[in-house]
Amino acid sequence: MSDLQRLNVGLVGAAGRGGTFRAALEANGARVHAVCDTRPEALDEAAARFGGSVERYTDHSEMLQRSVLDAVVIGTPQHLHVEQAIPALERGLHVLSEVPAGVSVEECRALAAACRRSRGVYMLAENYAYMKPNVLVRELARRGLFGTVYYAEGEYLHELKGLAEQTTWRRKWQMGIDGITYPTHSLGPILQWMPGDRVTRVCCEAADHRYLDPDGEPYYRSSPVMLCKTVSGALIKVRVDLVSERPHAMTNYQLQGTDGVYESSRGGPGERHKIWLRALSEDVRWHDLDALMNIDRLAAEFLPDAWRNPPPEAARAGHGGGDYFEVLDFVRAIRGEAPCPIGIHEALDMTLPGLVSQQSILQGGAWLDVPDSRAWGDDSDAPTRLQLQMLWPERLLTSPPAPAVPDGYRLRTYTDADEAGYGALMARAGFGDWDRVRIDSVRRAILPGGFFVIEHLSSGRIVATAMAAHRPTNLHPEGAELSWVAGDPEHRGKGLGRAVCAAVTRRLIGAGYRRIYLLTDDHRLPALKIYLELGYEPFLFADGMAERWQQIHERLMGGQPADV
């Protein structure tokens, strides 16, 4: 397996939930390279289980700075998810985050902005959407067997008062705030059963009864219930109760359409998953979904191959195999083999209704609008402005550009002996310090033979560079990037920047990529001129992009910048 195929993963919260992802990661071609937990003794025990070569950290930021990683898995308390995801995304790492995505609307806005800026893939680890019955219902709904879907219910009834006193973050973030504080296990599968739909407004109320903790302080109001209306006009009811004392019935679902209905088992005596579909029977009566799956009557046609013949690792994974299959999808998205199924917008579709419900319950159950993260665009208060993006047009995939290198220079690929010269070039080009750790980290995504440099023959100096990177993102699920283009200011005007960009583009086209993109900034006029003349076109992926490109066009027309 090549360095490009292997994925180095850092586990955050490795002594707790984060550590449970190990088996699924290793089964899907990734490896745990670093573990992080704030509890030193527990971290030592976890690191010992992972093997002596694994790096260990008690500080998340230090792990990101020092370890050579491709991705991080965040398995920490929910109020830390955004705080830990954003720095990883800003370093271009891929992120698999436990649920929910964030604990405030403001946090979610910051996370969405970081995802738009990042080269990394972000995925929410909502494993209940991957359980076998939920996957089958998703496929049945996607193919129209429920007809027009107009109602659904999701319940998460899991008494956790004792655990809340051991993990104090739960006491505050899950059981100390009125409203729906843990919505994704309920909404996650339901929204996948309603493809293309999302929640636009919610209201929330709860019983006035409150259980008391051992100190006599009240938990949140019992049995909060949220009603949701969707874009299509469907109604969803969600109940999340973590404090009521009752026999166990943790996850319960219903789906109602014009041609079918599904109700999950509630765990009582004789309870089974049951379904009626008009395609199964004109006689409106229940069918045992488990029996239908076991005799392959539905599974053979509607259950994905991976679930019909799951590997042993899936059977051993947690949450009914959900942990395995969500990691499989995450790894496939990183490698560009498939789009990310629960990217940032899907994650926020599952998270934001619960956050708005907490505002509704404070306003006496008022109906309140749920923001759509797709409409947030470029946040004016975001710390970093969205970078521009450009695409190589499909019509030019059959006409790869040829690099033209002037006399006195040589185009070649990077070698380890170039480390010092490359670092010096990046410093002269204004990209800061590049040491071996940073170079090795970036190289992990570079195609073999895709790290180009131009050498000045008389001096032996490296004076230009660019990389061909395999780098799928939420915007470019099967994408490759022309990245880290740099030129020596002393050799400006020689066409060197154009040459290395042409070499990278040619390499990516030759590798079979059909989605080739690059990121740049408004002020880099010399580079923008190269990209445009080479054939790249602006990608208008957010509000305000057209106006920014118009300003760039006017500046380029007003005075042509020298080539790099």
Protein backbone atom coordinates (compact mmCIF):
# COMPACT_ATOMS: atom_id res chain seq x y z
CA MET A 1 0.00 0.00 0.00
CA SER A 2 1.45 3.40 -0.99
CA ASP A 3 1.82 6.43 1.27
CA LEU A 4 -1.03 8.01 -0.68
CA GLN A 5 -3.33 5.08 0.19
CA ARG A 6 -2.38 4.79 3.87
CA LEU A 7 -4.06 7.29 6.16
CA ASN A 8 -2.46 8.45 9.38
CA VAL A 9 -5.21 9.19 11.87
CA GLY A 10 -5.10 10.98 15.22
CA LEU A 11 -7.69 9.96 17.80
CA VAL A 12 -8.87 12.75 20.10
CA GLY A 13 -10.50 11.45 23.25
CA ALA A 14 -8.58 8.22 22.70
CA ALA A 15 -9.08 6.94 26.25
CA GLY A 16 -12.85 7.20 25.80
CA ARG A 17 -15.16 7.23 22.81
CA GLY A 18 -12.36 8.13 20.37
CA GLY A 19 -10.58 4.86 21.05
CA THR A 20 -13.57 2.80 19.91
CA PHE A 21 -12.94 3.84 16.29
CA ARG A 22 -9.65 1.96 16.08
CA ALA A 23 -10.93 -1.39 14.75
CA ALA A 24 -13.07 0.23 12.06
CA LEU A 25 -10.23 2.51 10.96
CA GLU A 26 -7.73 -0.32 10.67
CA ALA A 27 -10.24 -2.53 8.86
CA ASN A 28 -10.67 0.20 6.25
CA GLY A 29 -7.01 0.82 5.48
CA ALA A 30 -6.23 3.59 7.97
CA ARG A 31 -3.90 3.42 10.94
CA VAL A 32 -3.87 5.09 14.32
CA HIS A 33 -0.73 7.22 14.28
CA ALA A 34 -1.39 9.44 17.31
CA VAL A 35 -3.65 9.38 20.35
CA CYS A 36 -4.70 12.32 22.47
CA ASP A 37 -6.50 12.54 25.79
CA THR A 38 -6.32 15.05 28.64
CA ARG A 39 -6.08 12.28 31.26
CA PRO A 40 -2.41 11.16 31.30
CA GLU A 41 -2.91 7.83 33.08
CA ALA A 42 -5.84 6.83 30.90
CA LEU A 43 -3.90 7.96 27.84
CA ASP A 44 -0.97 5.70 28.76
CA GLU A 45 -3.33 2.73 29.06
CA ALA A 46 -4.94 3.53 25.70
CA ALA A 47 -1.57 4.01 23.98
CA ALA A 48 -0.39 0.65 25.32
CA ARG A 49 -3.39 -1.02 23.67
CA PHE A 50 -2.60 0.67 20.36
CA GLY A 51 1.07 -0.37 20.36
CA GLY A 52 4.41 1.14 21.28
CA SER A 53 4.91 3.14 18.09
CA VAL A 54 1.80 5.29 18.45
CA GLU A 55 2.44 8.91 19.37
CA ARG A 56 0.70 10.21 22.50
CA TYR A 57 -0.38 13.73 23.40
CA THR A 58 -2.35 15.36 26.20
CA ASP A 59 -2.91 18.53 24.17
CA HIS A 60 -4.94 18.51 20.93
CA SER A 61 -3.15 21.56 19.52
CA GLU A 62 0.27 20.03 20.13
CA MET A 63 -0.80 16.87 18.30
CA LEU A 64 -1.87 18.89 15.27
CA GLN A 65 1.40 20.83 15.23
CA ARG A 66 3.82 17.95 15.74
CA SER A 67 2.25 14.81 14.32
CA VAL A 68 2.16 13.88 10.61
CA LEU A 69 -1.56 13.25 10.14
CA ASP A 70 -4.06 12.97 7.33
CA ALA A 71 -7.19 12.93 9.48
CA VAL A 72 -8.47 13.24 13.02
CA VAL A 73 -11.36 11.50 14.74
CA ILE A 74 -12.97 13.62 17.45
CA GLY A 75 -14.54 11.50 20.16
CA THR A 76 -14.68 14.06 22.94
CA PRO A 77 -17.51 15.76 24.90
CA GLN A 78 -19.90 17.56 22.57
CA HIS A 79 -19.00 21.10 23.64
CA LEU A 80 -15.43 20.46 22.37
CA HIS A 81 -16.31 19.23 18.88
CA VAL A 82 -16.16 22.57 17.06
CA GLU A 83 -13.24 23.84 19.14
CA GLN A 84 -11.21 20.80 18.05
CA ALA A 85 -12.52 20.40 14.49
CA ILE A 86 -11.72 23.92 13.25
CA PRO A 87 -7.93 23.85 13.90
CA ALA A 88 -7.71 20.47 12.16
CA LEU A 89 -9.67 21.75 9.16
CA GLU A 90 -7.48 24.85 9.01
CA ARG A 91 -4.47 22.55 8.61
CA GLY A 92 -6.18 20.79 5.70
CA LEU A 93 -6.87 17.61 7.70
CA HIS A 94 -9.94 15.45 7.26
CA VAL A 95 -12.28 15.36 10.28
CA LEU A 96 -14.70 12.70 11.53
CA SER A 97 -16.56 14.27 14.44
CA GLU A 98 -18.81 12.70 17.02
CA VAL A 99 -22.33 14.08 17.40
CA PRO A 100 -23.76 16.67 17.55
CA ALA A 101 -21.77 18.97 15.28
CA GLY A 102 -21.86 21.89 17.77
CA VAL A 103 -23.60 23.27 20.84
CA SER A 104 -24.61 26.72 19.55
CA VAL A 105 -25.73 28.27 16.28
CA GLU A 106 -22.72 30.59 16.41
CA GLU A 107 -20.37 27.61 16.71
CA CYS A 108 -22.06 25.95 13.75
CA ARG A 109 -21.56 29.07 11.63
CA ALA A 110 -17.85 29.06 12.47
CA LEU A 111 -17.60 25.34 11.67
CA ALA A 112 -19.33 25.80 8.31
CA ALA A 113 -16.96 28.64 7.44
CA ALA A 114 -13.95 26.49 8.35
CA CYS A 115 -15.23 23.68 6.14
CA ARG A 116 -15.59 26.05 3.20
CA ARG A 117 -12.01 27.23 3.64
CA SER A 118 -10.52 23.80 4.22
CA ARG A 119 -9.11 21.25 1.83
CA GLY A 120 -10.22 18.54 4.25
CA VAL A 121 -13.35 16.39 4.22
CA TYR A 122 -15.64 16.92 7.22
CA MET A 123 -18.04 14.15 8.21
CA LEU A 124 -20.39 13.76 11.17
CA ALA A 125 -20.19 10.33 12.82
CA GLU A 126 -23.95 9.78 13.05
CA ASN A 127 -23.87 6.01 13.35
CA TYR A 128 -27.61 5.43 13.85
CA ALA A 129 -28.09 6.29 10.17
CA TYR A 130 -25.94 3.22 9.41
CA MET A 131 -27.90 0.59 11.34
CA LYS A 132 -29.22 -2.18 9.11
CA PRO A 133 -33.00 -1.50 9.42
CA ASN A 134 -32.46 2.24 8.98
CA VAL A 135 -30.31 1.67 5.88
CA LEU A 136 -32.98 -0.60 4.35
CA VAL A 137 -35.77 1.92 5.06
CA ARG A 138 -33.58 4.64 3.52
CA GLU A 139 -33.24 2.68 0.28
CA LEU A 140 -36.95 1.84 0.18
CA ALA A 141 -37.83 5.52 0.66
CA ARG A 142 -35.22 6.68 -1.86
CA ARG A 143 -36.73 4.43 -4.51
CA GLY A 144 -40.24 5.69 -3.81
CA LEU A 145 -41.81 2.63 -2.17
CA PHE A 146 -43.26 4.76 0.64
CA GLY A 147 -44.82 7.11 -1.91
CA THR A 148 -44.95 10.71 -0.73
CA VAL A 149 -43.46 10.79 2.77
CA TYR A 150 -45.24 13.30 5.01
CA TYR A 151 -44.73 12.23 8.65
CA ALA A 152 -42.00 10.73 10.82
CA GLU A 153 -41.15 10.20 14.47
CA GLY A 154 -37.84 9.71 16.20
CA GLU A 155 -37.26 8.98 19.87
CA TYR A 156 -34.08 8.63 21.90
CA LEU A 157 -35.09 7.43 25.37
CA HIS A 158 -31.94 6.63 27.31
CA GLU A 159 -31.88 7.24 31.08
CA LEU A 160 -28.38 8.55 31.86
CA LYS A 161 -28.62 10.34 35.21
CA GLY A 162 -26.02 8.12 36.84
CA LEU A 163 -23.60 8.56 33.95
CA ALA A 164 -24.15 12.32 34.03
CA GLU A 165 -22.80 12.45 37.56
CA GLN A 166 -19.62 10.67 36.42
CA THR A 167 -19.15 12.70 33.23
CA THR A 168 -19.99 16.21 34.35
CA TRP A 169 -20.11 17.57 30.81
CA ARG A 170 -23.25 15.49 30.23
CA ARG A 171 -24.79 17.02 33.33
CA LYS A 172 -24.54 20.44 31.70
CA TRP A 173 -24.72 19.95 27.94
CA GLN A 174 -27.14 17.02 27.71
CA MET A 175 -29.27 17.26 30.86
CA GLY A 176 -28.84 20.83 32.03
CA ILE A 177 -30.38 22.72 29.10
CA ASP A 178 -34.12 22.64 28.37
CA GLY A 179 -35.00 21.41 24.89
CA ILE A 180 -33.53 18.85 22.54
CA THR A 181 -29.83 18.65 23.38
CA TYR A 182 -28.98 15.42 21.52
CA PRO A 183 -30.99 15.40 18.31
CA THR A 184 -28.92 13.63 15.68
CA HIS A 185 -29.68 9.98 16.54
CA SER A 186 -33.35 10.78 15.93
CA LEU A 187 -33.11 13.22 13.03
CA GLY A 188 -30.20 11.54 11.27
CA PRO A 189 -32.00 8.49 9.88
CA ILE A 190 -35.25 10.40 9.30
CA LEU A 191 -33.64 13.09 7.17
CA GLN A 192 -31.98 10.38 5.09
CA TRP A 193 -35.45 8.91 4.57
CA MET A 194 -36.53 12.29 3.19
CA PRO A 195 -33.80 12.95 0.58
CA GLY A 196 -33.53 16.59 -0.46
CA ASP A 197 -35.68 17.79 2.46
CA ARG A 198 -34.62 19.65 5.60
CA VAL A 199 -36.21 21.16 8.69
CA THR A 200 -37.16 24.82 8.25
CA ARG A 201 -38.89 25.60 11.58
CA VAL A 202 -39.43 23.97 14.95
CA CYS A 203 -41.30 24.36 18.20
CA CYS A 204 -40.50 22.63 21.46
CA GLU A 205 -42.17 21.99 24.80
CA ALA A 206 -41.58 19.66 27.75
CA ALA A 207 -43.32 18.45 30.89
CA ASP A 208 -42.92 20.72 33.89
CA HIS A 209 -41.61 17.82 35.98
CA ARG A 210 -37.90 17.85 36.79
CA TYR A 211 -35.84 15.06 38.36
CA LEU A 212 -33.24 16.18 40.93
CA ASP A 213 -29.55 15.27 40.92
CA PRO A 214 -27.74 14.02 44.08
CA ASP A 215 -27.07 17.65 45.08
CA GLY A 216 -30.77 18.47 44.89
CA GLU A 217 -30.39 20.50 41.68
CA PRO A 218 -32.95 19.97 38.89
CA TYR A 219 -32.11 18.31 35.60
CA TYR A 220 -33.73 19.67 32.45
CA ARG A 221 -37.51 19.49 32.06
CA SER A 222 -38.58 15.89 31.44
CA SER A 223 -39.52 14.45 28.04
CA PRO A 224 -38.86 17.42 25.74
CA VAL A 225 -40.69 17.06 22.42
CA MET A 226 -39.83 18.96 19.26
CA LEU A 227 -42.14 19.34 16.25
CA CYS A 228 -40.44 20.06 12.93
CA LYS A 229 -41.82 21.25 9.59
CA THR A 230 -39.75 20.60 6.50
CA VAL A 231 -39.35 22.33 3.15
CA SER A 232 -41.76 19.83 1.58
CA GLY A 233 -44.34 20.36 4.33
CA ALA A 234 -43.70 17.07 6.14
CA LEU A 235 -44.09 16.90 9.93
CA ILE A 236 -41.48 15.28 12.21
CA LYS A 237 -41.86 14.64 15.93
CA VAL A 238 -38.69 14.16 18.00
CA ARG A 239 -38.57 13.18 21.67
CA VAL A 240 -35.21 12.95 23.45
CA ASP A 241 -35.47 11.96 27.11
CA LEU A 242 -32.29 11.25 29.08
CA VAL A 243 -33.73 11.46 32.61
CA SER A 244 -37.07 9.61 32.82
CA GLU A 245 -37.06 6.29 34.67
CA ARG A 246 -38.63 3.63 32.45
CA PRO A 247 -37.87 0.26 30.82
CA HIS A 248 -35.26 0.60 28.13
CA ALA A 249 -36.50 1.61 24.64
CA MET A 250 -33.62 3.68 23.39
CA THR A 251 -34.27 4.39 19.69
CA ASN A 252 -37.70 4.33 18.10
CA TYR A 253 -38.73 5.45 14.63
CA GLN A 254 -41.83 5.82 12.48
CA LEU A 255 -42.17 6.78 8.84
CA GLN A 256 -45.48 7.42 7.10
CA GLY A 257 -46.03 7.87 3.39
CA THR A 258 -48.89 7.58 0.95
CA ASP A 259 -47.86 4.05 -0.02
CA GLY A 260 -46.25 2.68 3.09
CA VAL A 261 -45.49 2.92 6.80
CA TYR A 262 -42.66 1.71 9.03
CA GLU A 263 -42.53 1.37 12.81
CA SER A 264 -39.45 0.16 14.65
CA SER A 265 -39.55 -2.18 17.60
CA ARG A 266 -39.86 -0.50 21.00
CA GLY A 267 -38.03 -3.36 22.70
CA GLY A 268 -40.97 -4.79 24.62
CA PRO A 269 -42.07 -8.44 24.76
CA GLY A 270 -42.67 -9.73 21.25
CA GLU A 271 -41.86 -6.38 19.64
CA ARG A 272 -40.48 -6.48 16.08
CA HIS A 273 -39.69 -3.97 13.35
CA LYS A 274 -42.77 -3.85 11.15
CA ILE A 275 -43.57 -2.44 7.75
CA TRP A 276 -46.38 -2.18 5.23
CA LEU A 277 -45.74 -1.23 1.63
CA ARG A 278 -48.36 -1.21 -1.08
CA ALA A 279 -45.77 -2.92 -3.28
CA LEU A 280 -45.67 -5.79 -0.76
CA SER A 281 -49.39 -6.14 -0.20
CA GLU A 282 -52.54 -4.36 -1.30
CA ASP A 283 -54.00 -5.70 1.91
CA VAL A 284 -53.06 -3.07 4.47
CA ARG A 285 -51.40 -5.18 7.15
CA TRP A 286 -48.07 -5.38 8.97
CA HIS A 287 -45.13 -7.42 7.74
CA ASP A 288 -42.20 -8.44 9.96
CA LEU A 289 -39.25 -6.43 8.61
CA ASP A 290 -36.68 -8.68 10.30
CA ALA A 291 -38.19 -11.76 8.68
CA LEU A 292 -38.26 -10.06 5.29
CA MET A 293 -34.59 -9.16 5.66
CA ASN A 294 -33.63 -12.65 6.83
CA ILE A 295 -35.22 -14.38 3.84
CA ASP A 296 -33.71 -11.75 1.52
CA ARG A 297 -37.10 -10.79 0.10
CA LEU A 298 -36.27 -7.10 0.48
CA ALA A 299 -32.57 -7.22 1.23
CA ALA A 300 -31.56 -8.77 -2.09
CA GLU A 301 -32.94 -5.82 -4.01
CA PHE A 302 -32.72 -2.88 -1.65
CA LEU A 303 -29.98 -3.47 0.92
CA PRO A 304 -26.52 -2.26 -0.17
CA ASP A 305 -23.98 -4.98 -0.95
CA ALA A 306 -21.84 -4.10 2.05
CA TRP A 307 -24.74 -4.82 4.41
CA ARG A 308 -25.86 -8.04 2.68
CA ASN A 309 -22.40 -9.56 3.10
CA PRO A 310 -20.77 -7.59 5.91
CA PRO A 311 -17.16 -8.37 6.78
CA PRO A 312 -16.39 -9.81 10.22
CA GLU A 313 -15.10 -6.39 11.32
CA ALA A 314 -18.57 -4.91 10.80
CA ALA A 315 -20.20 -7.57 12.92
CA ARG A 316 -17.79 -6.77 15.75
CA ALA A 317 -18.21 -2.99 15.48
CA GLY A 318 -20.43 -1.01 17.79
CA HIS A 319 -23.95 0.33 17.24
CA GLY A 320 -25.13 -2.61 15.15
CA GLY A 321 -22.25 -2.23 12.69
CA GLY A 322 -22.88 1.46 12.28
CA ASP A 323 -19.40 2.40 13.55
CA TYR A 324 -17.76 0.30 10.84
CA PHE A 325 -19.83 1.55 7.93
CA GLU A 326 -19.58 5.22 8.84
CA VAL A 327 -15.77 4.91 8.95
CA LEU A 328 -15.87 3.08 5.61
CA ASP A 329 -17.74 6.03 4.07
CA PHE A 330 -15.35 8.52 5.66
CA VAL A 331 -12.30 6.77 4.23
CA ARG A 332 -13.94 6.43 0.80
CA ALA A 333 -14.73 10.16 0.81
CA ILE A 334 -11.12 11.01 1.68
CA ARG A 335 -9.89 8.85 -1.18
CA GLY A 336 -12.37 10.38 -3.60
CA GLU A 337 -14.18 7.10 -4.21
CA ALA A 338 -17.59 8.51 -3.21
CA PRO A 339 -19.11 11.78 -1.97
CA CYS A 340 -19.22 12.34 1.78
CA PRO A 341 -22.74 11.24 2.82
CA ILE A 342 -22.92 13.31 6.03
CA GLY A 343 -20.85 16.38 5.21
CA ILE A 344 -21.09 19.76 6.88
CA HIS A 345 -24.56 20.69 5.58
CA GLU A 346 -26.09 17.30 6.38
CA ALA A 347 -24.43 17.48 9.80
CA LEU A 348 -25.96 20.88 10.49
CA ASP A 349 -29.36 19.76 9.15
CA MET A 350 -29.26 17.17 11.95
CA THR A 351 -27.87 19.54 14.61
CA LEU A 352 -29.44 22.98 14.13
CA PRO A 353 -33.10 22.01 14.77
CA GLY A 354 -32.16 20.86 18.27
CA LEU A 355 -30.30 24.10 18.98
CA VAL A 356 -33.27 26.18 17.82
CA SER A 357 -35.60 24.02 19.95
CA GLN A 358 -33.68 25.24 23.00
CA GLN A 359 -34.64 28.79 22.06
CA SER A 360 -38.25 27.78 21.37
CA ILE A 361 -38.81 26.19 24.77
CA LEU A 362 -37.58 29.39 26.43
CA GLN A 363 -40.20 31.30 24.42
CA GLY A 364 -43.12 29.13 25.51
CA GLY A 365 -42.99 26.72 22.59
CA ALA A 366 -42.94 29.36 19.84
CA TRP A 367 -42.35 28.24 16.25
CA LEU A 368 -38.89 29.47 15.21
CA ASP A 369 -37.04 29.33 11.90
CA VAL A 370 -34.07 26.99 11.49
CA PRO A 371 -31.20 28.50 9.48
CA ASP A 372 -29.93 26.75 6.35
CA SER A 373 -26.14 26.51 6.45
CA ARG A 374 -26.06 26.44 2.64
CA ALA A 375 -27.26 30.06 2.63
CA TRP A 376 -24.71 31.35 5.11
CA GLY A 377 -22.13 31.99 2.40
CA ASP A 378 -19.10 34.03 3.36
CA ASP A 379 -19.47 35.07 7.00
CA SER A 380 -18.53 38.71 7.41
CA ASP A 381 -17.42 37.98 10.95
CA ALA A 382 -15.33 34.94 10.02
CA PRO A 383 -11.66 35.36 10.94
CA THR A 384 -10.45 34.34 7.47
CA ARG A 385 -12.01 35.35 4.18
CA LEU A 386 -13.08 32.53 1.91
CA GLN A 387 -10.41 31.70 -0.62
CA LEU A 388 -11.18 31.86 -4.31
CA GLN A 389 -11.45 28.59 -6.17
CA MET A 390 -10.92 27.70 -9.83
CA LEU A 391 -11.68 24.61 -11.90
CA TRP A 392 -10.07 23.04 -14.93
CA PRO A 393 -12.97 22.85 -17.45
CA GLU A 394 -14.05 19.41 -18.63
CA ARG A 395 -13.81 20.50 -22.25
CA LEU A 396 -10.02 20.81 -21.82
CA LEU A 397 -9.49 17.38 -20.26
CA THR A 398 -8.50 16.08 -23.68
CA SER A 399 -6.00 18.93 -24.16
CA PRO A 400 -3.51 18.81 -21.28
CA PRO A 401 -1.16 21.80 -21.23
CA ALA A 402 2.50 21.27 -22.04
CA PRO A 403 5.06 22.87 -19.68
CA ALA A 404 7.43 25.27 -21.44
CA VAL A 405 10.68 25.63 -19.47
CA PRO A 406 13.12 28.37 -20.57
CA ASP A 407 16.80 27.76 -21.21
CA GLY A 408 18.92 27.62 -18.08
CA TYR A 409 16.22 25.88 -16.02
CA ARG A 410 15.20 22.25 -15.49
CA LEU A 411 11.76 20.88 -14.55
CA ARG A 412 11.93 17.74 -12.41
CA THR A 413 10.30 16.07 -9.42
CA TYR A 414 11.22 16.67 -5.78
CA THR A 415 13.75 14.44 -3.99
CA ASP A 416 14.64 14.23 -0.31
CA ALA A 417 17.89 16.07 -1.07
CA ASP A 418 15.79 19.13 -1.98
CA GLU A 419 14.49 19.65 1.59
CA ALA A 420 16.67 22.65 2.46
CA GLY A 421 16.33 24.27 -0.97
CA TYR A 422 12.59 23.78 -1.00
CA GLY A 423 12.22 25.29 2.46
CA ALA A 424 14.29 28.28 1.39
CA LEU A 425 12.11 28.79 -1.70
CA MET A 426 8.88 28.70 0.34
CA ALA A 427 10.31 31.26 2.75
CA ARG A 428 11.33 33.58 -0.12
CA ALA A 429 7.86 33.17 -1.65
CA GLY A 430 6.20 34.25 1.61
CA PHE A 431 4.82 30.88 2.76
CA GLY A 432 6.65 30.74 6.08
CA ASP A 433 8.82 28.00 7.52
CA TRP A 434 8.73 24.58 5.90
CA ASP A 435 10.60 21.86 7.80
CA ARG A 436 10.69 18.12 7.21
CA VAL A 437 7.58 17.44 9.31
CA ARG A 438 5.50 19.90 7.32
CA ILE A 439 6.83 18.72 3.97
CA ASP A 440 6.22 15.06 4.86
CA SER A 441 2.71 15.86 6.03
CA VAL A 442 1.82 17.58 2.76
CA ARG A 443 3.54 14.92 0.64
CA ARG A 444 1.19 12.21 1.89
CA ALA A 445 -1.53 13.50 -0.43
CA ILE A 446 0.73 14.03 -3.46
CA LEU A 447 0.46 11.71 -6.45
CA PRO A 448 3.60 9.72 -7.28
CA GLY A 449 5.60 11.90 -9.64
CA GLY A 450 3.37 14.85 -8.82
CA PHE A 451 5.68 17.05 -6.72
CA PHE A 452 7.34 19.34 -9.28
CA VAL A 453 10.21 21.77 -8.86
CA ILE A 454 12.19 23.90 -11.29
CA GLU A 455 15.93 24.13 -10.74
CA HIS A 456 18.08 27.07 -11.84
CA LEU A 457 20.98 25.23 -13.46
CA SER A 458 23.77 27.74 -12.91
CA SER A 459 23.07 28.23 -9.20
CA GLY A 460 21.44 24.90 -8.35
CA ARG A 461 18.64 26.72 -6.51
CA ILE A 462 15.03 25.57 -6.57
CA VAL A 463 13.11 28.55 -7.94
CA ALA A 464 9.55 27.31 -8.58
CA THR A 465 7.28 24.51 -7.40
CA ALA A 466 3.75 23.10 -7.47
CA MET A 467 2.08 19.88 -6.33
CA ALA A 468 -0.52 17.48 -7.75
CA ALA A 469 -2.57 16.49 -4.71
CA HIS A 470 -5.31 13.90 -4.28
CA ARG A 471 -7.56 16.01 -2.10
CA PRO A 472 -11.33 15.37 -2.15
CA THR A 473 -13.46 17.93 -0.29
CA ASN A 474 -17.14 18.46 0.34
CA LEU A 475 -17.25 20.73 -2.72
CA HIS A 476 -15.09 18.40 -4.80
CA PRO A 477 -15.92 14.84 -3.68
CA GLU A 478 -13.67 13.20 -6.29
CA GLY A 479 -11.30 16.10 -6.60
CA ALA A 480 -7.60 16.68 -7.07
CA GLU A 481 -5.87 19.96 -6.33
CA LEU A 482 -3.19 22.03 -8.01
CA SER A 483 -1.59 23.12 -4.75
CA TRP A 484 1.29 25.04 -3.19
CA VAL A 485 2.37 27.00 -6.25
CA ALA A 486 5.39 29.15 -5.40
CA GLY A 487 8.06 31.06 -7.27
CA ASP A 488 11.30 32.83 -6.40
CA PRO A 489 10.81 36.62 -6.75
CA GLU A 490 14.31 36.92 -8.19
CA HIS A 491 13.30 34.76 -11.17
CA ARG A 492 10.01 36.50 -11.89
CA GLY A 493 8.96 36.96 -15.51
CA LYS A 494 10.48 33.72 -16.85
CA GLY A 495 7.25 31.75 -17.15
CA LEU A 496 8.28 29.34 -14.40
CA GLY A 497 4.97 29.51 -12.54
CA ARG A 498 3.08 28.66 -15.71
CA ALA A 499 5.45 25.74 -16.37
CA VAL A 500 4.97 24.05 -12.98
CA CYS A 501 1.19 24.62 -13.09
CA ALA A 502 1.04 23.07 -16.54
CA ALA A 503 3.10 20.10 -15.33
CA VAL A 504 0.74 19.50 -12.39
CA THR A 505 -2.40 19.87 -14.50
CA ARG A 506 -1.00 17.46 -17.08
CA ARG A 507 -0.16 14.94 -14.33
CA LEU A 508 -3.66 15.11 -12.85
CA ILE A 509 -5.35 14.73 -16.22
CA GLY A 510 -3.09 11.78 -16.97
CA ALA A 511 -4.12 10.19 -13.67
CA GLY A 512 -7.76 10.26 -14.77
CA TYR A 513 -9.14 13.05 -12.60
CA ARG A 514 -12.11 14.90 -14.03
CA ARG A 515 -12.44 17.38 -11.16
CA ILE A 516 -9.26 19.46 -10.87
CA TYR A 517 -9.37 22.59 -8.72
CA LEU A 518 -7.15 25.14 -7.02
CA LEU A 519 -7.44 27.65 -4.18
CA THR A 520 -6.01 31.15 -4.29
CA ASP A 521 -6.45 34.68 -2.94
CA ASP A 522 -7.72 37.92 -4.46
CA HIS A 523 -4.41 39.73 -4.06
CA ARG A 524 -2.31 37.11 -5.91
CA LEU A 525 -2.72 38.78 -9.29
CA PRO A 526 0.38 37.25 -10.93
CA ALA A 527 -0.79 33.75 -10.00
CA LEU A 528 -4.38 34.49 -11.05
CA LYS A 529 -3.14 35.64 -14.43
CA ILE A 530 -1.26 32.35 -14.88
CA TYR A 531 -4.26 30.24 -13.95
CA LEU A 532 -6.61 32.11 -16.25
CA GLU A 533 -4.23 32.05 -19.22
CA LEU A 534 -3.55 28.35 -18.66
CA GLY A 535 -7.29 27.61 -18.92
CA TYR A 536 -8.62 27.48 -15.36
CA GLU A 537 -12.01 29.11 -14.79
CA PRO A 538 -13.54 30.78 -11.69
CA PHE A 539 -15.73 28.56 -9.52
CA LEU A 540 -18.58 30.61 -8.04
CA PHE A 541 -19.41 28.49 -4.98
CA ALA A 542 -20.56 31.20 -2.53
CA ASP A 543 -22.31 34.55 -2.41
CA GLY A 544 -20.14 37.47 -3.46
CA MET A 545 -17.77 35.44 -5.62
CA ALA A 546 -18.94 36.96 -8.91
CA GLU A 547 -18.32 40.47 -7.60
CA ARG A 548 -14.84 39.54 -6.38
CA TRP A 549 -13.92 38.04 -9.74
CA GLN A 550 -15.21 41.16 -11.49
CA GLN A 551 -12.88 43.27 -9.36
CA ILE A 552 -9.98 40.95 -10.19
CA HIS A 553 -10.77 41.22 -13.90
CA GLU A 554 -10.78 45.01 -13.69
CA ARG A 555 -7.43 45.03 -11.86
CA LEU A 556 -5.86 42.65 -14.37
CA MET A 557 -7.14 44.73 -17.29
CA GLY A 558 -5.88 47.90 -15.64
CA GLY A 559 -2.29 46.73 -15.49
CA GLN A 560 -0.99 43.30 -16.36
CA PRO A 561 1.13 41.89 -13.50
CA ALA A 562 4.43 40.28 -14.28
CA ASP A 563 4.54 36.50 -14.48
CA VAL A 564 6.09 34.50 -11.65
